[in-house]
C-alpha atoms as a PDB file:
ATOM      1  CA  UNK A   1     -14.757 -21.869 -89.034  1.00  0.00           C
ATOM      2  CA  UNK A   2     -13.796 -22.404 -85.375  1.00  0.00           C
ATOM      3  CA  UNK A   3     -10.478 -23.872 -84.402  1.00  0.00           C
ATOM      4  CA  UNK A   4     -10.291 -26.677 -81.883  1.00  0.00           C
ATOM      5  CA  UNK A   5      -8.251 -25.743 -78.798  1.00  0.00           C
ATOM      6  CA  UNK A   6      -4.706 -27.027 -78.755  1.00  0.00           C
ATOM      7  CA  UNK A   7      -4.151 -29.989 -76.452  1.00  0.00           C
ATOM      8  CA  UNK A   8      -2.610 -29.046 -73.106  1.00  0.00           C
ATOM      9  CA  UNK A   9       0.624 -30.624 -72.037  1.00  0.00           C
ATOM     10  CA  UNK A  10       0.329 -33.235 -69.325  1.00  0.00           C
ATOM     11  CA  UNK A  11       0.622 -31.662 -65.889  1.00  0.00           C
ATOM     12  CA  UNK A  12      -0.562 -28.240 -67.081  1.00  0.00           C
ATOM     13  CA  UNK A  13      -3.451 -26.595 -65.202  1.00  0.00           C
ATOM     14  CA  UNK A  14      -6.702 -27.991 -66.501  1.00  0.00           C
ATOM     15  CA  UNK A  15      -5.119 -31.164 -67.877  1.00  0.00           C
ATOM     16  CA  UNK A  16      -6.957 -34.368 -67.062  1.00  0.00           C
ATOM     17  CA  UNK A  17      -4.443 -36.128 -64.854  1.00  0.00           C
ATOM     18  CA  UNK A  18      -1.110 -35.137 -63.459  1.00  0.00           C
ATOM     19  CA  UNK A  19       1.960 -37.131 -64.453  1.00  0.00           C
ATOM     20  CA  UNK A  20       3.371 -39.620 -61.934  1.00  0.00           C
ATOM     21  CA  UNK A  21       6.209 -37.249 -60.964  1.00  0.00           C
ATOM     22  CA  UNK A  22       3.720 -34.499 -60.028  1.00  0.00           C
ATOM     23  CA  UNK A  23       1.631 -36.959 -58.023  1.00  0.00           C
ATOM     24  CA  UNK A  24       4.736 -38.162 -56.194  1.00  0.00           C
ATOM     25  CA  UNK A  25       5.715 -34.553 -55.403  1.00  0.00           C
ATOM     26  CA  UNK A  26       2.219 -33.899 -54.067  1.00  0.00           C
ATOM     27  CA  UNK A  27       2.371 -36.999 -51.863  1.00  0.00           C
ATOM     28  CA  UNK A  28       5.751 -36.006 -50.458  1.00  0.00           C
ATOM     29  CA  UNK A  29       4.676 -32.514 -49.411  1.00  0.00           C
ATOM     30  CA  UNK A  30       5.691 -31.674 -45.823  1.00  0.00           C
ATOM     31  CA  UNK A  31       2.071 -31.400 -44.641  1.00  0.00           C
ATOM     32  CA  UNK A  32       1.184 -34.919 -45.740  1.00  0.00           C
ATOM     33  CA  UNK A  33       4.354 -36.366 -44.184  1.00  0.00           C
ATOM     34  CA  UNK A  34       3.560 -34.697 -40.857  1.00  0.00           C
ATOM     35  CA  UNK A  35      -0.026 -35.941 -41.124  1.00  0.00           C
ATOM     36  CA  UNK A  36       1.217 -39.499 -41.684  1.00  0.00           C
ATOM     37  CA  UNK A  37       3.650 -39.331 -38.757  1.00  0.00           C
ATOM     38  CA  UNK A  38       1.175 -37.564 -36.462  1.00  0.00           C
ATOM     39  CA  UNK A  39      -2.311 -38.664 -37.526  1.00  0.00           C
ATOM     40  CA  UNK A  40      -3.728 -37.722 -34.097  1.00  0.00           C
ATOM     41  CA  UNK A  41      -1.500 -35.065 -32.449  1.00  0.00           C
ATOM     42  CA  UNK A  42      -3.783 -34.831 -29.416  1.00  0.00           C
ATOM     43  CA  UNK A  43      -3.590 -38.579 -28.851  1.00  0.00           C
ATOM     44  CA  UNK A  44       0.206 -38.464 -29.213  1.00  0.00           C
ATOM     45  CA  UNK A  45       0.405 -35.844 -26.482  1.00  0.00           C
ATOM     46  CA  UNK A  46      -1.987 -37.724 -24.196  1.00  0.00           C
ATOM     47  CA  UNK A  47      -0.105 -41.019 -24.612  1.00  0.00           C
ATOM     48  CA  UNK A  48       3.212 -39.327 -23.804  1.00  0.00           C
ATOM     49  CA  UNK A  49       1.771 -37.528 -20.754  1.00  0.00           C
ATOM     50  CA  UNK A  50       0.079 -40.659 -19.424  1.00  0.00           C
ATOM     51  CA  UNK A  51       3.325 -42.609 -19.756  1.00  0.00           C
ATOM     52  CA  UNK A  52       5.241 -39.918 -17.849  1.00  0.00           C
ATOM     53  CA  UNK A  53       2.586 -39.946 -15.104  1.00  0.00           C
ATOM     54  CA  UNK A  54       2.765 -43.734 -14.880  1.00  0.00           C
ATOM     55  CA  UNK A  55       6.542 -43.585 -14.510  1.00  0.00           C
ATOM     56  CA  UNK A  56       6.024 -40.939 -11.799  1.00  0.00           C
ATOM     57  CA  UNK A  57       9.523 -39.481 -12.057  1.00  0.00           C
ATOM     58  CA  UNK A  58      11.421 -37.518 -14.658  1.00  0.00           C
ATOM     59  CA  UNK A  59      14.197 -39.279 -16.564  1.00  0.00           C
ATOM     60  CA  UNK A  60      15.421 -38.548 -20.068  1.00  0.00           C
ATOM     61  CA  UNK A  61      15.025 -42.200 -21.047  1.00  0.00           C
ATOM     62  CA  UNK A  62      11.395 -42.154 -19.911  1.00  0.00           C
ATOM     63  CA  UNK A  63      10.766 -38.948 -21.858  1.00  0.00           C
ATOM     64  CA  UNK A  64      12.251 -40.446 -25.032  1.00  0.00           C
ATOM     65  CA  UNK A  65      10.209 -43.631 -24.581  1.00  0.00           C
ATOM     66  CA  UNK A  66       7.073 -41.518 -23.985  1.00  0.00           C
ATOM     67  CA  UNK A  67       7.742 -39.643 -27.246  1.00  0.00           C
ATOM     68  CA  UNK A  68       8.248 -42.929 -29.119  1.00  0.00           C
ATOM     69  CA  UNK A  69       4.987 -44.304 -27.700  1.00  0.00           C
ATOM     70  CA  UNK A  70       3.259 -41.036 -28.588  1.00  0.00           C
ATOM     71  CA  UNK A  71       4.359 -41.511 -32.200  1.00  0.00           C
ATOM     72  CA  UNK A  72       3.769 -45.264 -32.546  1.00  0.00           C
ATOM     73  CA  UNK A  73       0.390 -45.724 -30.829  1.00  0.00           C
ATOM     74  CA  UNK A  74      -1.543 -43.176 -32.973  1.00  0.00           C
ATOM     75  CA  UNK A  75       0.043 -44.484 -36.198  1.00  0.00           C
ATOM     76  CA  UNK A  76      -0.901 -48.058 -35.274  1.00  0.00           C
ATOM     77  CA  UNK A  77      -4.480 -47.099 -34.325  1.00  0.00           C
ATOM     78  CA  UNK A  78      -5.105 -44.600 -37.180  1.00  0.00           C
ATOM     79  CA  UNK A  79      -6.761 -47.220 -39.465  1.00  0.00           C
ATOM     80  CA  UNK A  80      -9.382 -47.815 -36.757  1.00  0.00           C
ATOM     81  CA  UNK A  81     -10.396 -44.109 -36.747  1.00  0.00           C
ATOM     82  CA  UNK A  82     -11.429 -43.533 -40.366  1.00  0.00           C
ATOM     83  CA  UNK A  83     -14.315 -41.149 -39.655  1.00  0.00           C
ATOM     84  CA  UNK A  84     -13.138 -39.279 -36.596  1.00  0.00           C
ATOM     85  CA  UNK A  85     -15.326 -36.283 -35.778  1.00  0.00           C
ATOM     86  CA  UNK A  86     -14.254 -32.678 -36.083  1.00  0.00           C
ATOM     87  CA  UNK A  87     -13.717 -31.242 -32.628  1.00  0.00           C
ATOM     88  CA  UNK A  88     -14.753 -27.682 -31.801  1.00  0.00           C
ATOM     89  CA  UNK A  89     -12.661 -24.851 -30.505  1.00  0.00           C
ATOM     90  CA  UNK A  90     -10.255 -25.395 -27.594  1.00  0.00           C
ATOM     91  CA  UNK A  91     -12.117 -22.672 -25.695  1.00  0.00           C
ATOM     92  CA  UNK A  92     -15.338 -24.721 -25.733  1.00  0.00           C
ATOM     93  CA  UNK A  93     -13.434 -27.815 -24.610  1.00  0.00           C
ATOM     94  CA  UNK A  94     -11.794 -25.878 -21.755  1.00  0.00           C
ATOM     95  CA  UNK A  95     -15.190 -24.462 -20.718  1.00  0.00           C
ATOM     96  CA  UNK A  96     -16.685 -27.975 -20.706  1.00  0.00           C
ATOM     97  CA  UNK A  97     -13.812 -29.370 -18.623  1.00  0.00           C
ATOM     98  CA  UNK A  98     -14.219 -26.465 -16.182  1.00  0.00           C
ATOM     99  CA  UNK A  99     -17.958 -27.125 -15.818  1.00  0.00           C
ATOM    100  CA  UNK A 100     -17.352 -30.835 -15.237  1.00  0.00           C
ATOM    101  CA  UNK A 101     -14.688 -30.145 -12.576  1.00  0.00           C
ATOM    102  CA  UNK A 102     -17.014 -27.727 -10.755  1.00  0.00           C
ATOM    103  CA  UNK A 103     -19.863 -30.264 -10.939  1.00  0.00           C
ATOM    104  CA  UNK A 104     -17.598 -33.027  -9.584  1.00  0.00           C
ATOM    105  CA  UNK A 105     -16.698 -30.840  -6.589  1.00  0.00           C
ATOM    106  CA  UNK A 106     -20.361 -29.953  -5.941  1.00  0.00           C
ATOM    107  CA  UNK A 107     -21.467 -33.586  -6.341  1.00  0.00           C
ATOM    108  CA  UNK A 108     -18.819 -34.780  -3.868  1.00  0.00           C
ATOM    109  CA  UNK A 109     -20.272 -32.441  -1.236  1.00  0.00           C
ATOM    110  CA  UNK A 110     -23.844 -33.487  -2.093  1.00  0.00           C
ATOM    111  CA  UNK A 111     -23.009 -37.201  -1.870  1.00  0.00           C
ATOM    112  CA  UNK A 112     -21.187 -36.669   1.441  1.00  0.00           C
ATOM    113  CA  UNK A 113     -24.313 -34.969   2.831  1.00  0.00           C
ATOM    114  CA  UNK A 114     -26.511 -37.822   1.577  1.00  0.00           C
ATOM    115  CA  UNK A 115     -24.266 -40.488   3.093  1.00  0.00           C
ATOM    116  CA  UNK A 116     -23.759 -38.700   6.425  1.00  0.00           C
ATOM    117  CA  UNK A 117     -27.100 -37.026   7.095  1.00  0.00           C
ATOM    118  CA  UNK A 118     -29.907 -38.418   4.921  1.00  0.00           C
ATOM    119  CA  UNK A 119     -31.844 -41.287   6.556  1.00  0.00           C
ATOM    120  CA  UNK A 120     -31.935 -44.395   4.410  1.00  0.00           C
ATOM    121  CA  UNK A 121     -35.731 -44.341   4.248  1.00  0.00           C
ATOM    122  CA  UNK A 122     -35.600 -40.904   2.552  1.00  0.00           C
ATOM    123  CA  UNK A 123     -33.155 -41.997  -0.142  1.00  0.00           C
ATOM    124  CA  UNK A 124     -34.687 -41.922  -3.634  1.00  0.00           C
ATOM    125  CA  UNK A 125     -32.451 -43.885  -6.041  1.00  0.00           C
ATOM    126  CA  UNK A 126     -33.659 -44.245  -9.612  1.00  0.00           C
ATOM    127  CA  UNK A 127     -32.818 -45.496 -13.079  1.00  0.00           C
ATOM    128  CA  UNK A 128     -32.965 -42.978 -15.923  1.00  0.00           C
ATOM    129  CA  UNK A 129     -33.063 -43.599 -19.647  1.00  0.00           C
ATOM    130  CA  UNK A 130     -31.369 -40.633 -21.305  1.00  0.00           C
ATOM    131  CA  UNK A 131     -32.356 -40.300 -24.992  1.00  0.00           C
ATOM    132  CA  UNK A 132     -29.306 -39.216 -26.971  1.00  0.00           C
ATOM    133  CA  UNK A 133     -29.056 -36.586 -29.673  1.00  0.00           C
ATOM    134  CA  UNK A 134     -25.314 -37.272 -29.959  1.00  0.00           C
ATOM    135  CA  UNK A 135     -24.348 -39.554 -32.824  1.00  0.00           C
ATOM    136  CA  UNK A 136     -20.557 -40.001 -32.730  1.00  0.00           C
ATOM    137  CA  UNK A 137     -19.131 -42.721 -30.467  1.00  0.00           C
ATOM    138  CA  UNK A 138     -16.521 -40.278 -29.119  1.00  0.00           C
ATOM    139  CA  UNK A 139     -19.149 -37.775 -27.985  1.00  0.00           C
ATOM    140  CA  UNK A 140     -21.298 -40.495 -26.393  1.00  0.00           C
ATOM    141  CA  UNK A 141     -18.229 -41.844 -24.592  1.00  0.00           C
ATOM    142  CA  UNK A 142     -17.383 -38.398 -23.214  1.00  0.00           C
ATOM    143  CA  UNK A 143     -20.981 -37.948 -22.005  1.00  0.00           C
ATOM    144  CA  UNK A 144     -21.019 -41.380 -20.335  1.00  0.00           C
ATOM    145  CA  UNK A 145     -17.643 -40.694 -18.709  1.00  0.00           C
ATOM    146  CA  UNK A 146     -18.825 -37.286 -17.490  1.00  0.00           C
ATOM    147  CA  UNK A 147     -21.900 -38.823 -15.870  1.00  0.00           C
ATOM    148  CA  UNK A 148     -19.821 -41.538 -14.204  1.00  0.00           C
ATOM    149  CA  UNK A 149     -17.129 -39.112 -13.017  1.00  0.00           C
ATOM    150  CA  UNK A 150     -19.770 -37.016 -11.268  1.00  0.00           C
ATOM    151  CA  UNK A 151     -20.418 -38.664  -7.880  1.00  0.00           C
ATOM    152  CA  UNK A 152     -24.002 -39.828  -7.386  1.00  0.00           C
ATOM    153  CA  UNK A 153     -24.571 -40.902 -11.002  1.00  0.00           C
ATOM    154  CA  UNK A 154     -23.237 -43.840 -13.004  1.00  0.00           C
ATOM    155  CA  UNK A 155     -23.597 -44.628 -16.721  1.00  0.00           C
ATOM    156  CA  UNK A 156     -24.507 -48.298 -16.810  1.00  0.00           C
ATOM    157  CA  UNK A 157     -25.457 -49.243 -20.351  1.00  0.00           C
ATOM    158  CA  UNK A 158     -25.870 -47.982 -23.897  1.00  0.00           C
ATOM    159  CA  UNK A 159     -28.729 -49.186 -26.069  1.00  0.00           C
ATOM    160  CA  UNK A 160     -27.821 -51.360 -29.058  1.00  0.00           C
ATOM    161  CA  UNK A 161     -28.743 -48.636 -31.528  1.00  0.00           C
ATOM    162  CA  UNK A 162     -26.743 -46.030 -29.553  1.00  0.00           C
ATOM    163  CA  UNK A 163     -29.755 -43.745 -29.049  1.00  0.00           C
ATOM    164  CA  UNK A 164     -30.195 -44.067 -25.257  1.00  0.00           C
ATOM    165  CA  UNK A 165     -28.001 -44.230 -22.183  1.00  0.00           C
ATOM    166  CA  UNK A 166     -29.037 -45.986 -18.959  1.00  0.00           C
ATOM    167  CA  UNK A 167     -28.003 -44.005 -15.870  1.00  0.00           C
ATOM    168  CA  UNK A 168     -28.324 -44.864 -12.178  1.00  0.00           C
ATOM    169  CA  UNK A 169     -28.788 -42.014  -9.706  1.00  0.00           C
ATOM    170  CA  UNK A 170     -28.015 -42.416  -6.013  1.00  0.00           C
ATOM    171  CA  UNK A 171     -30.640 -39.859  -4.961  1.00  0.00           C
ATOM    172  CA  UNK A 172     -33.038 -38.225  -7.406  1.00  0.00           C
ATOM    173  CA  UNK A 173     -36.259 -36.933  -5.854  1.00  0.00           C
ATOM    174  CA  UNK A 174     -37.001 -35.284  -9.223  1.00  0.00           C
ATOM    175  CA  UNK A 175     -35.761 -37.605 -12.019  1.00  0.00           C
ATOM    176  CA  UNK A 176     -37.005 -35.221 -14.721  1.00  0.00           C
ATOM    177  CA  UNK A 177     -34.733 -32.460 -13.358  1.00  0.00           C
ATOM    178  CA  UNK A 178     -31.712 -34.798 -13.440  1.00  0.00           C
ATOM    179  CA  UNK A 179     -32.541 -35.806 -17.008  1.00  0.00           C
ATOM    180  CA  UNK A 180     -32.954 -32.168 -18.032  1.00  0.00           C
ATOM    181  CA  UNK A 181     -29.620 -31.261 -16.419  1.00  0.00           C
ATOM    182  CA  UNK A 182     -27.793 -34.042 -18.294  1.00  0.00           C
ATOM    183  CA  UNK A 183     -29.344 -32.952 -21.597  1.00  0.00           C
ATOM    184  CA  UNK A 184     -28.829 -29.194 -21.213  1.00  0.00           C
ATOM    185  CA  UNK A 185     -25.665 -28.968 -19.146  1.00  0.00           C
ATOM    186  CA  UNK A 186     -23.606 -31.722 -20.765  1.00  0.00           C
ATOM    187  CA  UNK A 187     -25.100 -33.062 -23.992  1.00  0.00           C
ATOM    188  CA  UNK A 188     -25.899 -29.656 -25.497  1.00  0.00           C
ATOM    189  CA  UNK A 189     -22.293 -28.531 -24.956  1.00  0.00           C
ATOM    190  CA  UNK A 190     -20.916 -31.795 -26.374  1.00  0.00           C
ATOM    191  CA  UNK A 191     -23.022 -31.280 -29.513  1.00  0.00           C
ATOM    192  CA  UNK A 192     -21.209 -27.972 -30.009  1.00  0.00           C
ATOM    193  CA  UNK A 193     -17.780 -29.565 -29.409  1.00  0.00           C
ATOM    194  CA  UNK A 194     -18.259 -32.702 -31.579  1.00  0.00           C
ATOM    195  CA  UNK A 195     -19.577 -31.524 -34.941  1.00  0.00           C
END
């Protein structure tokens, strides 16, 4: 004859549900409190830094107000970011920013040469439709901003389904090469950053 196992006390490991006191303790853990106060730590830092740059001088009052804004804005906007993507390692982000800064410098020189030395009749502007493998709005926004920040190209429109980006190029004798550069140099790296 087998004996039925003795019922476990509520709150014991393996019990069905934890009592209200245990659930309250779990909710009030330090990690969850910090997560509620700082739902987006990166955004908090950016908001505070942008405010200090807008003020354009250091004052303790401005720093305190920047910190308050850095706390309030992410908390207020957190409900609108329910499915935010996981972002890759800071090293990949730094490498991407470095590549974009180098490309901006190179593109400035290229555009200056086009404007100063290329006859208007030799200019080859074009419209490109860039098919997107990126799926998250944040990644698509970063790609569109990168294209626009690089002189000579402008992101003009996003298709309704979010699968293609319309880009205008100031001078593109080989549109396929420009498209390939956008896909391999920027989009491929963004796919590694936004997972």
